């Protein structure tokens, strides 16, 4: 997924009172990111910029794999929703010590 698509989704969904294009540095401090129903796939990329993420919603996409480096910088993740994708390979989550909720149903 390209950063431009992520920014478009953020501009539509973000509710903290600022527009992403007016203050793009605040995007780096997001704790909640919803990228659902965007046909993202076959893998995820460019999430290394969001080191503060706690909740990442990626359900209802076309993701086929989570590689060992896909979420390597997202150490604060507590909730990861990957339901309703096409995941065939899932690795690289063992370093996510704060992960409380993982949904990989319907893959």
N, C-alpha and C. Protein backbone atom coordinates (compact mmCIF):
# COMPACT_ATOMS: atom_id res chain seq x y z
N UNK A 1 0.83 -1.18 0.00
CA UNK A 1 0.00 0.00 0.00
C UNK A 1 0.88 1.24 0.00
N UNK A 2 0.51 2.16 -0.78
CA UNK A 2 1.26 3.40 -0.88
C UNK A 2 0.84 4.38 0.22
N UNK A 3 1.76 5.24 0.61
CA UNK A 3 1.50 6.21 1.66
C UNK A 3 0.38 7.18 1.27
N UNK A 4 0.23 7.45 -0.02
CA UNK A 4 -0.83 8.36 -0.47
C UNK A 4 -2.21 7.80 -0.13
N UNK A 5 -2.40 6.50 -0.34
CA UNK A 5 -3.68 5.89 -0.01
C UNK A 5 -3.94 5.91 1.48
N UNK A 6 -2.89 5.70 2.25
CA UNK A 6 -3.03 5.74 3.70
C UNK A 6 -3.43 7.15 4.14
N UNK A 7 -2.83 8.15 3.53
CA UNK A 7 -3.16 9.52 3.90
C UNK A 7 -4.61 9.84 3.55
N UNK A 8 -5.09 9.38 2.39
CA UNK A 8 -6.47 9.60 2.01
C UNK A 8 -7.43 9.00 3.03
N UNK A 9 -7.15 7.77 3.43
CA UNK A 9 -8.00 7.12 4.43
C UNK A 9 -7.95 7.86 5.75
N UNK A 10 -6.77 8.30 6.16
CA UNK A 10 -6.63 9.02 7.42
C UNK A 10 -7.40 10.34 7.40
N UNK A 11 -7.34 11.03 6.28
CA UNK A 11 -8.05 12.30 6.18
C UNK A 11 -9.55 12.10 6.33
N UNK A 12 -10.05 10.98 5.85
CA UNK A 12 -11.48 10.70 5.96
C UNK A 12 -11.87 10.25 7.36
N UNK A 13 -11.05 9.49 8.00
CA UNK A 13 -11.41 8.83 9.26
C UNK A 13 -10.90 9.50 10.52
N UNK A 14 -9.88 10.31 10.41
CA UNK A 14 -9.23 10.84 11.60
C UNK A 14 -10.14 11.84 12.32
N UNK A 15 -10.25 11.72 13.62
CA UNK A 15 -11.22 12.52 14.35
C UNK A 15 -10.59 13.39 15.43
N UNK A 16 -9.33 13.64 15.36
CA UNK A 16 -8.69 14.43 16.42
C UNK A 16 -8.59 15.92 16.09
N UNK A 17 -9.34 16.37 15.15
CA UNK A 17 -9.46 17.80 14.93
C UNK A 17 -8.41 18.45 14.06
N UNK A 18 -7.70 17.71 13.26
CA UNK A 18 -6.79 18.33 12.31
C UNK A 18 -6.83 17.56 11.01
N UNK A 19 -6.50 18.24 9.95
CA UNK A 19 -6.43 17.62 8.63
C UNK A 19 -5.01 17.12 8.42
N UNK A 20 -4.86 15.91 7.91
CA UNK A 20 -3.54 15.30 7.72
C UNK A 20 -2.64 16.16 6.82
N UNK A 21 -3.20 16.77 5.79
CA UNK A 21 -2.37 17.57 4.89
C UNK A 21 -1.92 18.89 5.54
N UNK A 22 -2.61 19.34 6.59
CA UNK A 22 -2.20 20.56 7.27
C UNK A 22 -1.11 20.30 8.31
N UNK A 23 -1.08 19.12 8.87
CA UNK A 23 -0.10 18.81 9.91
C UNK A 23 0.37 17.36 9.76
N UNK A 24 1.12 17.04 8.70
CA UNK A 24 1.50 15.65 8.42
C UNK A 24 2.38 15.01 9.49
N UNK A 25 3.12 15.80 10.26
CA UNK A 25 3.98 15.21 11.29
C UNK A 25 3.17 14.52 12.38
N UNK A 26 1.94 14.97 12.61
CA UNK A 26 1.10 14.34 13.62
C UNK A 26 0.72 12.91 13.21
N UNK A 27 0.78 12.61 11.93
CA UNK A 27 0.48 11.25 11.48
C UNK A 27 1.44 10.23 12.10
N UNK A 28 2.65 10.67 12.36
CA UNK A 28 3.66 9.77 12.93
C UNK A 28 3.32 9.35 14.35
N UNK A 29 2.45 10.08 15.00
CA UNK A 29 2.11 9.79 16.40
C UNK A 29 0.75 9.11 16.55
N UNK A 30 0.18 8.69 15.44
CA UNK A 30 -1.11 8.01 15.52
C UNK A 30 -1.04 6.77 16.39
N UNK A 31 -2.08 6.56 17.17
CA UNK A 31 -2.18 5.36 17.98
C UNK A 31 -3.19 4.38 17.40
N UNK A 32 -4.13 4.89 16.63
CA UNK A 32 -5.19 4.07 16.04
C UNK A 32 -5.21 4.31 14.54
N UNK A 33 -5.13 3.23 13.78
CA UNK A 33 -5.12 3.34 12.32
C UNK A 33 -6.05 2.30 11.73
N UNK A 34 -7.04 2.77 10.99
CA UNK A 34 -8.00 1.88 10.35
C UNK A 34 -7.80 1.95 8.83
N UNK A 35 -7.38 0.83 8.27
CA UNK A 35 -7.16 0.73 6.83
C UNK A 35 -7.95 -0.46 6.30
N UNK A 36 -9.22 -0.47 6.58
CA UNK A 36 -10.09 -1.58 6.20
C UNK A 36 -10.78 -1.28 4.87
N UNK A 37 -11.13 -2.36 4.15
CA UNK A 37 -11.89 -2.25 2.90
C UNK A 37 -11.17 -1.41 1.84
N UNK A 38 -9.85 -1.53 1.75
CA UNK A 38 -9.08 -0.73 0.79
C UNK A 38 -8.37 -1.57 -0.26
N UNK A 39 -8.63 -2.86 -0.29
CA UNK A 39 -7.97 -3.77 -1.24
C UNK A 39 -6.45 -3.76 -1.10
N UNK A 40 -5.97 -3.60 0.11
CA UNK A 40 -4.53 -3.63 0.38
C UNK A 40 -4.03 -5.05 0.20
N UNK A 41 -2.92 -5.21 -0.45
CA UNK A 41 -2.32 -6.54 -0.60
C UNK A 41 -1.43 -6.59 -1.82
N UNK A 42 -0.71 -7.64 -1.97
CA UNK A 42 -0.74 -8.89 -1.22
C UNK A 42 0.01 -8.84 0.11
N UNK A 43 0.77 -7.77 0.35
CA UNK A 43 1.44 -7.64 1.64
C UNK A 43 1.25 -6.22 2.15
N UNK A 44 1.70 -5.97 3.35
CA UNK A 44 1.59 -4.62 3.90
C UNK A 44 2.99 -4.00 3.94
N UNK A 45 3.02 -2.70 3.73
CA UNK A 45 4.30 -1.99 3.70
C UNK A 45 4.10 -0.56 4.17
N UNK A 46 5.20 0.09 4.46
CA UNK A 46 5.23 1.50 4.87
C UNK A 46 4.65 1.76 6.25
N UNK A 47 4.48 0.75 7.08
CA UNK A 47 3.97 0.97 8.43
C UNK A 47 5.07 1.29 9.42
N UNK A 48 6.32 1.23 8.97
CA UNK A 48 7.43 1.53 9.86
C UNK A 48 7.41 2.98 10.35
N UNK A 49 6.69 3.84 9.65
CA UNK A 49 6.60 5.24 10.05
C UNK A 49 5.71 5.44 11.27
N UNK A 50 4.88 4.47 11.56
CA UNK A 50 3.89 4.58 12.63
C UNK A 50 4.32 3.77 13.86
N UNK A 51 5.41 4.17 14.47
CA UNK A 51 5.97 3.44 15.60
C UNK A 51 5.10 3.50 16.85
N UNK A 52 4.19 4.45 16.93
CA UNK A 52 3.35 4.62 18.11
C UNK A 52 2.01 3.90 18.02
N UNK A 53 1.77 3.20 16.93
CA UNK A 53 0.49 2.52 16.76
C UNK A 53 0.22 1.53 17.88
N UNK A 54 -1.01 1.60 18.39
CA UNK A 54 -1.47 0.63 19.38
C UNK A 54 -2.56 -0.27 18.78
N UNK A 55 -3.37 0.30 17.91
CA UNK A 55 -4.46 -0.45 17.28
C UNK A 55 -4.34 -0.32 15.76
N UNK A 56 -4.25 -1.44 15.10
CA UNK A 56 -4.13 -1.47 13.65
C UNK A 56 -5.22 -2.37 13.07
N UNK A 57 -6.11 -1.77 12.30
CA UNK A 57 -7.24 -2.49 11.71
C UNK A 57 -7.01 -2.63 10.22
N UNK A 58 -6.79 -3.85 9.79
CA UNK A 58 -6.52 -4.15 8.38
C UNK A 58 -7.49 -5.20 7.84
N UNK A 59 -8.65 -5.32 8.44
CA UNK A 59 -9.58 -6.34 8.00
C UNK A 59 -10.20 -5.98 6.65
N UNK A 60 -10.72 -7.00 5.99
CA UNK A 60 -11.41 -6.85 4.71
C UNK A 60 -10.52 -6.25 3.63
N UNK A 61 -9.34 -6.83 3.46
CA UNK A 61 -8.42 -6.42 2.40
C UNK A 61 -8.01 -7.65 1.61
N UNK A 62 -6.90 -7.59 0.93
CA UNK A 62 -6.40 -8.69 0.10
C UNK A 62 -5.00 -9.12 0.54
N UNK A 63 -4.74 -9.01 1.82
CA UNK A 63 -3.42 -9.32 2.36
C UNK A 63 -3.19 -10.82 2.34
N UNK A 64 -2.07 -11.24 1.76
CA UNK A 64 -1.75 -12.66 1.66
C UNK A 64 -0.66 -13.08 2.63
N UNK A 65 0.16 -12.14 3.05
CA UNK A 65 1.24 -12.51 3.96
C UNK A 65 1.63 -11.36 4.87
N UNK A 66 2.02 -11.75 6.07
CA UNK A 66 2.65 -10.83 7.01
C UNK A 66 4.06 -11.36 7.18
N UNK A 67 5.00 -10.68 6.57
CA UNK A 67 6.39 -11.12 6.61
C UNK A 67 7.06 -10.76 7.92
N UNK A 68 8.25 -11.30 8.11
CA UNK A 68 8.96 -11.08 9.38
C UNK A 68 9.32 -9.62 9.61
N UNK A 69 9.36 -8.81 8.55
CA UNK A 69 9.70 -7.40 8.70
C UNK A 69 8.49 -6.47 8.56
N UNK A 70 7.32 -7.02 8.31
CA UNK A 70 6.14 -6.18 8.06
C UNK A 70 5.80 -5.24 9.20
N UNK A 71 5.94 -5.73 10.43
CA UNK A 71 5.56 -4.94 11.60
C UNK A 71 6.72 -4.78 12.57
N UNK A 72 7.92 -4.81 12.06
CA UNK A 72 9.10 -4.81 12.93
C UNK A 72 9.26 -3.56 13.77
N UNK A 73 8.72 -2.43 13.32
CA UNK A 73 8.87 -1.18 14.08
C UNK A 73 7.62 -0.81 14.87
N UNK A 74 6.61 -1.62 14.81
CA UNK A 74 5.34 -1.34 15.47
C UNK A 74 5.26 -2.04 16.82
N UNK A 75 6.23 -1.76 17.67
CA UNK A 75 6.39 -2.46 18.94
C UNK A 75 5.29 -2.18 19.95
N UNK A 76 4.53 -1.13 19.76
CA UNK A 76 3.48 -0.76 20.71
C UNK A 76 2.12 -1.37 20.37
N UNK A 77 2.04 -2.17 19.34
CA UNK A 77 0.75 -2.74 18.94
C UNK A 77 0.14 -3.55 20.07
N UNK A 78 -1.12 -3.25 20.35
CA UNK A 78 -1.89 -4.00 21.33
C UNK A 78 -3.01 -4.79 20.65
N UNK A 79 -3.53 -4.23 19.56
CA UNK A 79 -4.61 -4.89 18.83
C UNK A 79 -4.27 -4.90 17.33
N UNK A 80 -4.38 -6.07 16.73
CA UNK A 80 -4.12 -6.24 15.30
C UNK A 80 -5.25 -7.06 14.71
N UNK A 81 -6.00 -6.46 13.81
CA UNK A 81 -7.12 -7.15 13.19
C UNK A 81 -6.80 -7.40 11.72
N UNK A 82 -6.62 -8.66 11.39
CA UNK A 82 -6.31 -9.09 10.02
C UNK A 82 -7.41 -10.00 9.45
N UNK A 83 -8.57 -9.95 10.03
CA UNK A 83 -9.67 -10.82 9.61
C UNK A 83 -10.11 -10.52 8.18
N UNK A 84 -10.67 -11.52 7.54
CA UNK A 84 -11.22 -11.39 6.19
C UNK A 84 -10.20 -10.88 5.18
N UNK A 85 -9.06 -11.53 5.15
CA UNK A 85 -8.04 -11.28 4.14
C UNK A 85 -7.79 -12.60 3.42
N UNK A 86 -6.61 -12.77 2.89
CA UNK A 86 -6.22 -14.02 2.20
C UNK A 86 -4.90 -14.52 2.75
N UNK A 87 -4.69 -14.37 4.02
CA UNK A 87 -3.39 -14.66 4.64
C UNK A 87 -3.06 -16.14 4.54
N UNK A 88 -1.90 -16.39 3.93
CA UNK A 88 -1.37 -17.74 3.79
C UNK A 88 -0.12 -17.92 4.64
N UNK A 89 0.55 -16.81 4.93
CA UNK A 89 1.79 -16.87 5.71
C UNK A 89 1.78 -15.75 6.74
N UNK A 90 2.03 -16.13 7.98
CA UNK A 90 2.02 -15.18 9.09
C UNK A 90 3.26 -15.41 9.93
N UNK A 91 4.16 -14.44 9.93
CA UNK A 91 5.38 -14.57 10.73
C UNK A 91 5.81 -13.19 11.20
N UNK A 92 6.72 -13.16 12.11
CA UNK A 92 7.25 -11.88 12.57
C UNK A 92 6.39 -11.17 13.58
N UNK A 93 5.62 -11.90 14.38
CA UNK A 93 4.80 -11.26 15.41
C UNK A 93 5.34 -11.50 16.82
N UNK A 94 6.34 -12.34 16.95
CA UNK A 94 6.82 -12.72 18.29
C UNK A 94 7.44 -11.56 19.05
N UNK A 95 7.87 -10.53 18.36
CA UNK A 95 8.48 -9.37 19.03
C UNK A 95 7.43 -8.39 19.55
N UNK A 96 6.16 -8.62 19.25
CA UNK A 96 5.09 -7.72 19.67
C UNK A 96 4.64 -8.08 21.09
N UNK A 97 5.44 -7.71 22.06
CA UNK A 97 5.19 -8.06 23.45
C UNK A 97 3.93 -7.45 24.03
N UNK A 98 3.45 -6.36 23.47
CA UNK A 98 2.26 -5.68 23.98
C UNK A 98 0.97 -6.16 23.32
N UNK A 99 1.08 -7.07 22.37
CA UNK A 99 -0.09 -7.52 21.62
C UNK A 99 -1.04 -8.31 22.53
N UNK A 100 -2.26 -7.81 22.64
CA UNK A 100 -3.28 -8.42 23.48
C UNK A 100 -4.32 -9.13 22.63
N UNK A 101 -4.63 -8.55 21.47
CA UNK A 101 -5.71 -9.05 20.61
C UNK A 101 -5.20 -9.23 19.19
N UNK A 102 -5.37 -10.42 18.65
CA UNK A 102 -5.01 -10.72 17.26
C UNK A 102 -6.17 -11.46 16.63
N UNK A 103 -6.74 -10.89 15.57
CA UNK A 103 -7.84 -11.54 14.86
C UNK A 103 -7.37 -11.91 13.47
N UNK A 104 -7.31 -13.20 13.20
CA UNK A 104 -6.93 -13.69 11.86
C UNK A 104 -8.03 -14.58 11.30
N UNK A 105 -9.24 -14.41 11.79
CA UNK A 105 -10.36 -15.21 11.34
C UNK A 105 -10.71 -14.96 9.87
N UNK A 106 -11.27 -15.95 9.23
CA UNK A 106 -11.73 -15.86 7.83
C UNK A 106 -10.64 -15.51 6.86
N UNK A 107 -9.57 -16.29 6.93
CA UNK A 107 -8.48 -16.14 5.98
C UNK A 107 -8.29 -17.45 5.23
